[in-house]
Amino acid sequence: MHDTRRTANLLGATALAVTDLALAGAAGAVGVSGSGAAALVVLGADPGISVTELGRRVGLTQSAAARMVDALEARGLVERRPTFGKWVAVHPTDAGRRAAATLLDARGDRLAALVGALPPSDQEALAGLLEGLLRALYAEVGSAWRVCRLCDRPCCTEAGAVCPVGQAERDATGG
């Protein structure tokens, strides 16, 4: 009989170590926090959102998101632009877009090296398992933006592949 708790424990240890590896590579590449790295990636994909929405997508309260945007703005990576009323949109600067590309490359390189340690057949099996886990995570979290806050979106859909989180969201919302 399979020991589900052991498998879950192995997954937890792996997930934490992979997170540390990915965040260290990404954040270290441009000298920002993990939240700052995620914010740059989110803004690269969807510039012009509010501080509150940015915070929601990266898992921060509005006040924490405002402080993070202040820090990114002080480094010249983002800028606030007034729109209508009191609403302010956050946009990446050219330096912010370059930083986002740099951190995604660093994250991708470290993760690709890790996955590359497996034989191709195991890599393919792992991809299928991860797609299933990501669909389950979307069902739990309920936000594709939150699940994929540090994703290299074009990488996930190149060669006609379908993003499992995006598909789970479309299935859930009827879109």
N, C-alpha and C. Protein backbone atom coordinates (compact mmCIF):
# COMPACT_ATOMS: atom_id res chain seq x y z
N MET A 1 0.84 -1.18 0.00
CA MET A 1 0.00 0.00 0.00
C MET A 1 0.89 1.25 0.00
N HIS A 2 0.47 2.25 -0.76
CA HIS A 2 1.24 3.49 -0.89
C HIS A 2 1.06 4.37 0.34
N ASP A 3 2.16 4.98 0.79
CA ASP A 3 2.14 5.88 1.94
C ASP A 3 1.97 7.32 1.43
N THR A 4 0.71 7.78 1.40
CA THR A 4 0.39 9.11 0.89
C THR A 4 1.06 10.22 1.71
N ARG A 5 1.12 10.04 3.02
CA ARG A 5 1.75 11.07 3.86
C ARG A 5 3.24 11.21 3.55
N ARG A 6 3.92 10.09 3.29
CA ARG A 6 5.34 10.18 2.94
C ARG A 6 5.51 10.91 1.62
N THR A 7 4.69 10.56 0.65
CA THR A 7 4.77 11.24 -0.65
C THR A 7 4.49 12.73 -0.48
N ALA A 8 3.51 13.06 0.35
CA ALA A 8 3.19 14.47 0.61
C ALA A 8 4.37 15.16 1.29
N ASN A 9 5.02 14.49 2.21
CA ASN A 9 6.18 15.05 2.88
C ASN A 9 7.33 15.27 1.90
N LEU A 10 7.56 14.31 1.01
CA LEU A 10 8.59 14.47 -0.01
C LEU A 10 8.27 15.65 -0.92
N LEU A 11 7.00 15.79 -1.28
CA LEU A 11 6.57 16.92 -2.11
C LEU A 11 6.83 18.23 -1.38
N GLY A 12 6.48 18.29 -0.09
CA GLY A 12 6.69 19.51 0.69
C GLY A 12 8.15 19.90 0.76
N ALA A 13 9.01 18.94 1.02
CA ALA A 13 10.45 19.23 1.09
C ALA A 13 10.97 19.70 -0.27
N THR A 14 10.53 19.02 -1.32
CA THR A 14 10.95 19.40 -2.67
C THR A 14 10.44 20.79 -3.02
N ALA A 15 9.17 21.05 -2.73
CA ALA A 15 8.58 22.34 -3.06
C ALA A 15 9.31 23.48 -2.37
N LEU A 16 9.64 23.30 -1.11
CA LEU A 16 10.33 24.35 -0.37
C LEU A 16 11.74 24.57 -0.92
N ALA A 17 12.45 23.49 -1.19
CA ALA A 17 13.81 23.63 -1.73
C ALA A 17 13.80 24.24 -3.13
N VAL A 18 12.84 23.84 -3.95
CA VAL A 18 12.74 24.41 -5.30
C VAL A 18 12.37 25.88 -5.22
N THR A 19 11.47 26.24 -4.30
CA THR A 19 11.10 27.64 -4.11
C THR A 19 12.32 28.46 -3.71
N ASP A 20 13.08 27.96 -2.76
CA ASP A 20 14.29 28.66 -2.34
C ASP A 20 15.24 28.85 -3.52
N LEU A 21 15.44 27.81 -4.31
CA LEU A 21 16.32 27.87 -5.47
C LEU A 21 15.82 28.88 -6.49
N ALA A 22 14.53 28.81 -6.81
CA ALA A 22 13.96 29.70 -7.82
C ALA A 22 13.97 31.15 -7.36
N LEU A 23 13.58 31.40 -6.12
CA LEU A 23 13.55 32.78 -5.62
C LEU A 23 14.94 33.35 -5.46
N ALA A 24 15.87 32.54 -4.99
CA ALA A 24 17.24 33.03 -4.84
C ALA A 24 17.81 33.41 -6.20
N GLY A 25 17.55 32.60 -7.19
CA GLY A 25 18.04 32.90 -8.53
C GLY A 25 17.37 34.13 -9.11
N ALA A 26 16.06 34.21 -8.95
CA ALA A 26 15.31 35.31 -9.53
C ALA A 26 15.58 36.61 -8.80
N ALA A 27 15.34 36.63 -7.51
CA ALA A 27 15.49 37.86 -6.74
C ALA A 27 16.95 38.30 -6.70
N GLY A 28 17.85 37.35 -6.56
CA GLY A 28 19.27 37.69 -6.50
C GLY A 28 19.79 38.28 -7.80
N ALA A 29 19.20 37.90 -8.91
CA ALA A 29 19.65 38.40 -10.21
C ALA A 29 19.44 39.90 -10.35
N VAL A 30 18.42 40.43 -9.69
CA VAL A 30 18.15 41.86 -9.82
C VAL A 30 18.13 42.58 -8.48
N GLY A 31 18.40 41.85 -7.38
CA GLY A 31 18.51 42.48 -6.07
C GLY A 31 17.20 42.97 -5.49
N VAL A 32 16.12 42.24 -5.70
CA VAL A 32 14.83 42.60 -5.11
C VAL A 32 14.32 41.44 -4.27
N SER A 33 13.29 41.69 -3.47
CA SER A 33 12.67 40.64 -2.67
C SER A 33 11.90 39.69 -3.57
N GLY A 34 11.48 38.57 -3.00
CA GLY A 34 10.64 37.63 -3.75
C GLY A 34 9.35 38.29 -4.23
N SER A 35 8.74 39.10 -3.37
CA SER A 35 7.52 39.82 -3.75
C SER A 35 7.81 40.85 -4.84
N GLY A 36 8.95 41.51 -4.71
CA GLY A 36 9.34 42.48 -5.73
C GLY A 36 9.58 41.82 -7.07
N ALA A 37 10.20 40.65 -7.04
CA ALA A 37 10.43 39.90 -8.28
C ALA A 37 9.09 39.52 -8.91
N ALA A 38 8.17 38.99 -8.10
CA ALA A 38 6.86 38.62 -8.62
C ALA A 38 6.14 39.84 -9.18
N ALA A 39 6.24 40.98 -8.49
CA ALA A 39 5.58 42.19 -8.96
C ALA A 39 6.10 42.61 -10.32
N LEU A 40 7.42 42.54 -10.53
CA LEU A 40 7.98 42.91 -11.82
C LEU A 40 7.48 42.00 -12.93
N VAL A 41 7.38 40.71 -12.63
CA VAL A 41 6.88 39.76 -13.63
C VAL A 41 5.41 40.04 -13.93
N VAL A 42 4.61 40.25 -12.89
CA VAL A 42 3.18 40.55 -13.08
C VAL A 42 3.01 41.82 -13.91
N LEU A 43 3.76 42.86 -13.56
CA LEU A 43 3.64 44.12 -14.30
C LEU A 43 4.14 44.00 -15.73
N GLY A 44 5.09 43.12 -15.96
CA GLY A 44 5.54 42.89 -17.33
C GLY A 44 4.44 42.29 -18.19
N ALA A 45 3.62 41.44 -17.57
CA ALA A 45 2.53 40.80 -18.29
C ALA A 45 1.27 41.66 -18.32
N ASP A 46 1.09 42.51 -17.31
CA ASP A 46 -0.14 43.29 -17.21
C ASP A 46 0.16 44.67 -16.61
N PRO A 47 0.85 45.54 -17.37
CA PRO A 47 1.20 46.86 -16.84
C PRO A 47 -0.04 47.73 -16.65
N GLY A 48 0.07 48.64 -15.69
CA GLY A 48 -1.00 49.60 -15.51
C GLY A 48 -2.07 49.21 -14.51
N ILE A 49 -1.80 48.18 -13.71
CA ILE A 49 -2.78 47.80 -12.68
C ILE A 49 -2.53 48.65 -11.43
N SER A 50 -3.51 48.66 -10.55
CA SER A 50 -3.39 49.45 -9.33
C SER A 50 -2.47 48.75 -8.32
N VAL A 51 -2.03 49.50 -7.33
CA VAL A 51 -1.21 48.93 -6.26
C VAL A 51 -2.00 47.84 -5.54
N THR A 52 -3.28 48.09 -5.30
CA THR A 52 -4.12 47.10 -4.61
C THR A 52 -4.20 45.80 -5.40
N GLU A 53 -4.43 45.91 -6.71
CA GLU A 53 -4.53 44.71 -7.56
C GLU A 53 -3.17 44.01 -7.64
N LEU A 54 -2.11 44.77 -7.73
CA LEU A 54 -0.78 44.17 -7.75
C LEU A 54 -0.54 43.39 -6.47
N GLY A 55 -0.89 43.97 -5.34
CA GLY A 55 -0.76 43.28 -4.06
C GLY A 55 -1.56 41.99 -4.03
N ARG A 56 -2.78 42.04 -4.54
CA ARG A 56 -3.64 40.85 -4.57
C ARG A 56 -2.98 39.74 -5.38
N ARG A 57 -2.40 40.11 -6.49
CA ARG A 57 -1.80 39.11 -7.38
C ARG A 57 -0.52 38.50 -6.83
N VAL A 58 0.22 39.25 -6.01
CA VAL A 58 1.46 38.71 -5.46
C VAL A 58 1.30 38.27 -4.00
N GLY A 59 0.10 38.41 -3.45
CA GLY A 59 -0.17 37.91 -2.11
C GLY A 59 0.20 38.87 -0.99
N LEU A 60 0.04 40.17 -1.22
CA LEU A 60 0.35 41.16 -0.20
C LEU A 60 -0.88 42.00 0.12
N THR A 61 -0.92 42.51 1.33
CA THR A 61 -1.97 43.46 1.68
C THR A 61 -1.72 44.75 0.90
N GLN A 62 -2.71 45.62 0.88
CA GLN A 62 -2.57 46.88 0.16
C GLN A 62 -1.42 47.71 0.73
N SER A 63 -1.31 47.77 2.05
CA SER A 63 -0.24 48.58 2.64
C SER A 63 1.14 47.98 2.36
N ALA A 64 1.26 46.66 2.42
CA ALA A 64 2.54 46.02 2.09
C ALA A 64 2.87 46.21 0.61
N ALA A 65 1.85 46.12 -0.24
CA ALA A 65 2.07 46.33 -1.67
C ALA A 65 2.53 47.76 -1.94
N ALA A 66 1.95 48.74 -1.23
CA ALA A 66 2.35 50.13 -1.41
C ALA A 66 3.82 50.32 -1.02
N ARG A 67 4.24 49.69 0.07
CA ARG A 67 5.65 49.79 0.49
C ARG A 67 6.56 49.12 -0.54
N MET A 68 6.12 47.99 -1.08
CA MET A 68 6.92 47.30 -2.09
C MET A 68 7.04 48.16 -3.34
N VAL A 69 5.94 48.77 -3.77
CA VAL A 69 5.98 49.64 -4.95
C VAL A 69 6.88 50.84 -4.67
N ASP A 70 6.81 51.39 -3.45
CA ASP A 70 7.72 52.49 -3.09
C ASP A 70 9.18 52.08 -3.29
N ALA A 71 9.51 50.88 -2.81
CA ALA A 71 10.89 50.39 -2.91
C ALA A 71 11.29 50.17 -4.37
N LEU A 72 10.40 49.59 -5.17
CA LEU A 72 10.70 49.37 -6.59
C LEU A 72 10.80 50.69 -7.33
N GLU A 73 9.96 51.65 -6.95
CA GLU A 73 10.00 52.97 -7.58
C GLU A 73 11.31 53.69 -7.23
N ALA A 74 11.75 53.57 -5.99
CA ALA A 74 13.00 54.20 -5.55
C ALA A 74 14.20 53.65 -6.33
N ARG A 75 14.10 52.41 -6.76
CA ARG A 75 15.18 51.79 -7.55
C ARG A 75 15.03 52.04 -9.04
N GLY A 76 13.96 52.77 -9.43
CA GLY A 76 13.75 53.09 -10.84
C GLY A 76 13.19 51.95 -11.66
N LEU A 77 12.57 50.96 -10.99
CA LEU A 77 12.06 49.78 -11.70
C LEU A 77 10.59 49.90 -12.08
N VAL A 78 9.83 50.72 -11.36
CA VAL A 78 8.42 50.96 -11.67
C VAL A 78 8.13 52.45 -11.51
N GLU A 79 7.02 52.85 -12.07
CA GLU A 79 6.55 54.22 -11.88
C GLU A 79 5.04 54.21 -11.71
N ARG A 80 4.57 55.15 -10.90
CA ARG A 80 3.13 55.34 -10.71
C ARG A 80 2.68 56.40 -11.71
N ARG A 81 1.54 56.14 -12.35
CA ARG A 81 0.98 57.10 -13.28
C ARG A 81 -0.47 57.37 -12.88
N PRO A 82 -0.81 58.64 -12.68
CA PRO A 82 -2.20 58.94 -12.34
C PRO A 82 -3.11 58.62 -13.53
N THR A 83 -4.30 58.15 -13.23
CA THR A 83 -5.27 57.88 -14.29
C THR A 83 -6.47 58.78 -14.04
N PHE A 84 -7.55 58.23 -13.53
CA PHE A 84 -8.73 59.06 -13.25
C PHE A 84 -9.04 59.00 -11.76
N GLY A 85 -9.57 60.09 -11.25
CA GLY A 85 -9.86 60.15 -9.82
C GLY A 85 -8.60 59.95 -9.01
N LYS A 86 -8.71 59.15 -7.97
CA LYS A 86 -7.55 58.86 -7.11
C LYS A 86 -6.78 57.63 -7.57
N TRP A 87 -7.27 56.99 -8.62
CA TRP A 87 -6.67 55.74 -9.07
C TRP A 87 -5.31 56.00 -9.70
N VAL A 88 -4.32 55.20 -9.32
CA VAL A 88 -2.96 55.31 -9.83
C VAL A 88 -2.57 53.95 -10.41
N ALA A 89 -2.03 53.98 -11.61
CA ALA A 89 -1.58 52.76 -12.27
C ALA A 89 -0.08 52.59 -12.06
N VAL A 90 0.34 51.34 -11.90
CA VAL A 90 1.76 51.03 -11.74
C VAL A 90 2.26 50.41 -13.04
N HIS A 91 3.34 50.96 -13.55
CA HIS A 91 3.94 50.49 -14.81
C HIS A 91 5.41 50.19 -14.59
N PRO A 92 5.92 49.16 -15.24
CA PRO A 92 7.38 48.94 -15.17
C PRO A 92 8.08 49.98 -16.05
N THR A 93 9.23 50.40 -15.61
CA THR A 93 10.08 51.26 -16.44
C THR A 93 10.86 50.35 -17.40
N ASP A 94 11.63 50.95 -18.28
CA ASP A 94 12.49 50.12 -19.15
C ASP A 94 13.42 49.27 -18.29
N ALA A 95 13.97 49.88 -17.23
CA ALA A 95 14.84 49.12 -16.32
C ALA A 95 14.06 48.00 -15.63
N GLY A 96 12.81 48.24 -15.30
CA GLY A 96 11.98 47.22 -14.67
C GLY A 96 11.68 46.07 -15.62
N ARG A 97 11.43 46.38 -16.88
CA ARG A 97 11.21 45.31 -17.87
C ARG A 97 12.48 44.48 -18.07
N ARG A 98 13.62 45.16 -18.12
CA ARG A 98 14.89 44.42 -18.25
C ARG A 98 15.14 43.56 -17.01
N ALA A 99 14.83 44.10 -15.83
CA ALA A 99 15.01 43.34 -14.59
C ALA A 99 14.10 42.11 -14.58
N ALA A 100 12.86 42.27 -15.03
CA ALA A 100 11.93 41.13 -15.07
C ALA A 100 12.47 40.05 -16.01
N ALA A 101 12.98 40.45 -17.17
CA ALA A 101 13.54 39.47 -18.11
C ALA A 101 14.76 38.78 -17.50
N THR A 102 15.60 39.54 -16.82
CA THR A 102 16.79 38.97 -16.18
C THR A 102 16.41 37.98 -15.11
N LEU A 103 15.44 38.33 -14.28
CA LEU A 103 15.08 37.41 -13.20
C LEU A 103 14.38 36.17 -13.72
N LEU A 104 13.57 36.30 -14.77
CA LEU A 104 12.95 35.10 -15.35
C LEU A 104 14.00 34.19 -15.97
N ASP A 105 15.01 34.78 -16.61
CA ASP A 105 16.11 33.97 -17.17
C ASP A 105 16.86 33.25 -16.06
N ALA A 106 17.17 33.96 -14.97
CA ALA A 106 17.90 33.34 -13.86
C ALA A 106 17.08 32.23 -13.23
N ARG A 107 15.79 32.48 -13.00
CA ARG A 107 14.89 31.47 -12.44
C ARG A 107 14.84 30.26 -13.37
N GLY A 108 14.63 30.52 -14.65
CA GLY A 108 14.52 29.45 -15.64
C GLY A 108 15.78 28.62 -15.76
N ASP A 109 16.92 29.29 -15.74
CA ASP A 109 18.19 28.56 -15.85
C ASP A 109 18.39 27.61 -14.68
N ARG A 110 18.11 28.08 -13.47
CA ARG A 110 18.31 27.24 -12.28
C ARG A 110 17.33 26.07 -12.29
N LEU A 111 16.09 26.32 -12.64
CA LEU A 111 15.10 25.25 -12.65
C LEU A 111 15.36 24.26 -13.79
N ALA A 112 15.77 24.77 -14.94
CA ALA A 112 16.08 23.88 -16.07
C ALA A 112 17.25 22.97 -15.74
N ALA A 113 18.24 23.51 -15.05
CA ALA A 113 19.38 22.68 -14.64
C ALA A 113 18.94 21.58 -13.68
N LEU A 114 18.04 21.91 -12.78
CA LEU A 114 17.53 20.92 -11.84
C LEU A 114 16.76 19.82 -12.57
N VAL A 115 15.83 20.22 -13.43
CA VAL A 115 15.04 19.24 -14.18
C VAL A 115 15.94 18.45 -15.12
N GLY A 116 16.97 19.10 -15.66
CA GLY A 116 17.90 18.43 -16.57
C GLY A 116 18.68 17.31 -15.92
N ALA A 117 18.68 17.25 -14.60
CA ALA A 117 19.35 16.15 -13.90
C ALA A 117 18.59 14.84 -14.05
N LEU A 118 17.35 14.91 -14.51
CA LEU A 118 16.52 13.72 -14.71
C LEU A 118 16.63 13.23 -16.15
N PRO A 119 16.48 11.94 -16.37
CA PRO A 119 16.44 11.45 -17.75
C PRO A 119 15.19 11.99 -18.47
N PRO A 120 15.24 12.11 -19.80
CA PRO A 120 14.12 12.68 -20.55
C PRO A 120 12.76 12.04 -20.25
N SER A 121 12.72 10.73 -20.08
CA SER A 121 11.43 10.08 -19.80
C SER A 121 10.88 10.53 -18.46
N ASP A 122 11.75 10.71 -17.48
CA ASP A 122 11.29 11.21 -16.17
C ASP A 122 10.87 12.67 -16.26
N GLN A 123 11.57 13.46 -17.10
CA GLN A 123 11.18 14.85 -17.30
C GLN A 123 9.77 14.94 -17.86
N GLU A 124 9.47 14.09 -18.82
CA GLU A 124 8.14 14.07 -19.43
C GLU A 124 7.08 13.63 -18.41
N ALA A 125 7.39 12.60 -17.63
CA ALA A 125 6.45 12.15 -16.60
C ALA A 125 6.24 13.25 -15.56
N LEU A 126 7.31 13.92 -15.17
CA LEU A 126 7.21 15.00 -14.20
C LEU A 126 6.33 16.13 -14.73
N ALA A 127 6.48 16.47 -16.00
CA ALA A 127 5.66 17.53 -16.59
C ALA A 127 4.17 17.20 -16.46
N GLY A 128 3.81 15.96 -16.76
CA GLY A 128 2.41 15.55 -16.63
C GLY A 128 1.92 15.63 -15.20
N LEU A 129 2.74 15.19 -14.26
CA LEU A 129 2.36 15.24 -12.84
C LEU A 129 2.22 16.69 -12.37
N LEU A 130 3.14 17.54 -12.79
CA LEU A 130 3.08 18.95 -12.39
C LEU A 130 1.86 19.65 -12.96
N GLU A 131 1.48 19.31 -14.19
CA GLU A 131 0.27 19.89 -14.76
C GLU A 131 -0.95 19.53 -13.92
N GLY A 132 -1.03 18.28 -13.48
CA GLY A 132 -2.13 17.87 -12.61
C GLY A 132 -2.12 18.58 -11.27
N LEU A 133 -0.94 18.73 -10.68
CA LEU A 133 -0.83 19.44 -9.41
C LEU A 133 -1.19 20.92 -9.57
N LEU A 134 -0.79 21.52 -10.67
CA LEU A 134 -1.11 22.93 -10.89
C LEU A 134 -2.61 23.14 -11.07
N ARG A 135 -3.28 22.23 -11.74
CA ARG A 135 -4.75 22.32 -11.85
C ARG A 135 -5.38 22.23 -10.47
N ALA A 136 -4.87 21.33 -9.64
CA ALA A 136 -5.39 21.19 -8.28
C ALA A 136 -5.09 22.43 -7.45
N LEU A 137 -3.92 23.02 -7.63
CA LEU A 137 -3.58 24.25 -6.92
C LEU A 137 -4.49 25.40 -7.34
N TYR A 138 -4.79 25.48 -8.62
CA TYR A 138 -5.71 26.53 -9.06
C TYR A 138 -7.07 26.35 -8.37
N ALA A 139 -7.54 25.12 -8.29
CA ALA A 139 -8.82 24.87 -7.63
C ALA A 139 -8.78 25.29 -6.16
N GLU A 140 -7.65 25.14 -5.54
CA GLU A 140 -7.48 25.52 -4.13
C GLU A 140 -7.34 27.03 -3.96
N VAL A 141 -6.51 27.65 -4.80
CA VAL A 141 -6.19 29.07 -4.67
C VAL A 141 -7.24 29.95 -5.35
N GLY A 142 -7.73 29.52 -6.51
CA GLY A 142 -8.77 30.26 -7.21
C GLY A 142 -8.29 31.48 -7.97
N SER A 143 -7.00 31.61 -8.20
CA SER A 143 -6.47 32.76 -8.92
C SER A 143 -5.28 32.33 -9.76
N ALA A 144 -5.44 32.40 -11.08
CA ALA A 144 -4.32 32.06 -11.96
C ALA A 144 -3.17 33.04 -11.75
N TRP A 145 -3.49 34.31 -11.53
CA TRP A 145 -2.43 35.30 -11.30
C TRP A 145 -1.61 34.95 -10.08
N ARG A 146 -2.28 34.50 -9.01
CA ARG A 146 -1.58 34.17 -7.77
C ARG A 146 -0.70 32.94 -7.96
N VAL A 147 -1.26 31.90 -8.58
CA VAL A 147 -0.48 30.67 -8.79
C VAL A 147 0.71 30.94 -9.70
N CYS A 148 0.52 31.76 -10.73
CA CYS A 148 1.55 31.97 -11.76
C CYS A 148 2.26 33.32 -11.61
N ARG A 149 2.33 33.83 -10.39
CA ARG A 149 2.88 35.17 -10.20
C ARG A 149 4.35 35.31 -10.58
N LEU A 150 5.09 34.23 -10.67
CA LEU A 150 6.49 34.30 -11.07
C LEU A 150 6.76 33.38 -12.26
N CYS A 151 5.74 33.20 -13.08
CA CYS A 151 5.87 32.32 -14.25
C CYS A 151 6.39 33.05 -15.46
N ASP A 152 7.12 32.32 -16.27
CA ASP A 152 7.53 32.79 -17.58
C ASP A 152 6.42 32.35 -18.53
N ARG A 153 5.42 33.20 -18.69
CA ARG A 153 4.22 32.83 -19.43
C ARG A 153 4.49 32.35 -20.86
N PRO A 154 5.30 33.04 -21.64
CA PRO A 154 5.55 32.54 -23.00
C PRO A 154 6.18 31.15 -23.00
N CYS A 155 7.04 30.87 -22.02
CA CYS A 155 7.68 29.55 -21.94
C CYS A 155 6.64 28.45 -21.74
N CYS A 156 5.60 28.75 -20.98
CA CYS A 156 4.58 27.76 -20.63
C CYS A 156 3.69 27.40 -21.82
N THR A 157 3.62 28.29 -22.81
CA THR A 157 2.69 28.06 -23.91
C THR A 157 3.37 27.95 -25.27
N GLU A 158 4.70 27.89 -25.28
CA GLU A 158 5.37 27.78 -26.58
C GLU A 158 5.12 26.41 -27.19
N ALA A 159 5.30 26.34 -28.46
CA ALA A 159 5.10 25.11 -29.23
C ALA A 159 3.68 24.57 -29.09
N GLY A 160 2.71 25.48 -28.91
CA GLY A 160 1.31 25.08 -28.84
C GLY A 160 0.86 24.45 -27.55
N ALA A 161 1.71 24.44 -26.53
CA ALA A 161 1.33 23.87 -25.24
C ALA A 161 0.24 24.73 -24.60
N VAL A 162 -0.57 24.10 -23.77
CA VAL A 162 -1.63 24.81 -23.05
C VAL A 162 -1.23 24.93 -21.59
N CYS A 163 -1.29 26.14 -21.07
CA CYS A 163 -0.97 26.35 -19.66
C CYS A 163 -2.03 25.64 -18.81
N PRO A 164 -1.63 24.74 -17.92
CA PRO A 164 -2.63 24.01 -17.13
C PRO A 164 -3.40 24.91 -16.17
N VAL A 165 -2.78 25.96 -15.68
CA VAL A 165 -3.47 26.87 -14.76
C VAL A 165 -4.46 27.72 -15.54
N GLY A 166 -4.05 28.24 -16.67
CA GLY A 166 -4.97 29.00 -17.51
C GLY A 166 -6.16 28.16 -17.94
N GLN A 167 -5.89 26.90 -18.29
CA GLN A 167 -6.99 26.02 -18.70
C GLN A 167 -7.92 25.72 -17.53
N ALA A 168 -7.35 25.53 -16.35
CA ALA A 168 -8.18 25.29 -15.16
C ALA A 168 -9.07 26.50 -14.88
N GLU A 169 -8.51 27.70 -15.07
CA GLU A 169 -9.31 28.91 -14.86
C GLU A 169 -10.42 29.02 -15.90
N ARG A 170 -10.10 28.74 -17.16
CA ARG A 170 -11.13 28.78 -18.20
C ARG A 170 -12.22 27.76 -17.92
N ASP A 171 -11.82 26.57 -17.48
CA ASP A 171 -12.80 25.54 -17.15
C ASP A 171 -13.69 25.97 -15.98
N ALA A 172 -13.10 26.62 -14.98
CA ALA A 172 -13.85 27.02 -13.79
C ALA A 172 -14.81 28.18 -14.06
N THR A 173 -14.41 29.07 -14.99
CA THR A 173 -15.21 30.27 -15.24
C THR A 173 -16.05 30.16 -16.50
N GLY A 174 -15.93 29.04 -17.19
CA GLY A 174 -16.70 28.87 -18.42
C GLY A 174 -16.16 29.69 -19.58
N GLY A 175 -14.88 30.12 -19.45
CA GLY A 175 -14.28 30.98 -20.50
C GLY A 175 -13.51 30.23 -21.41
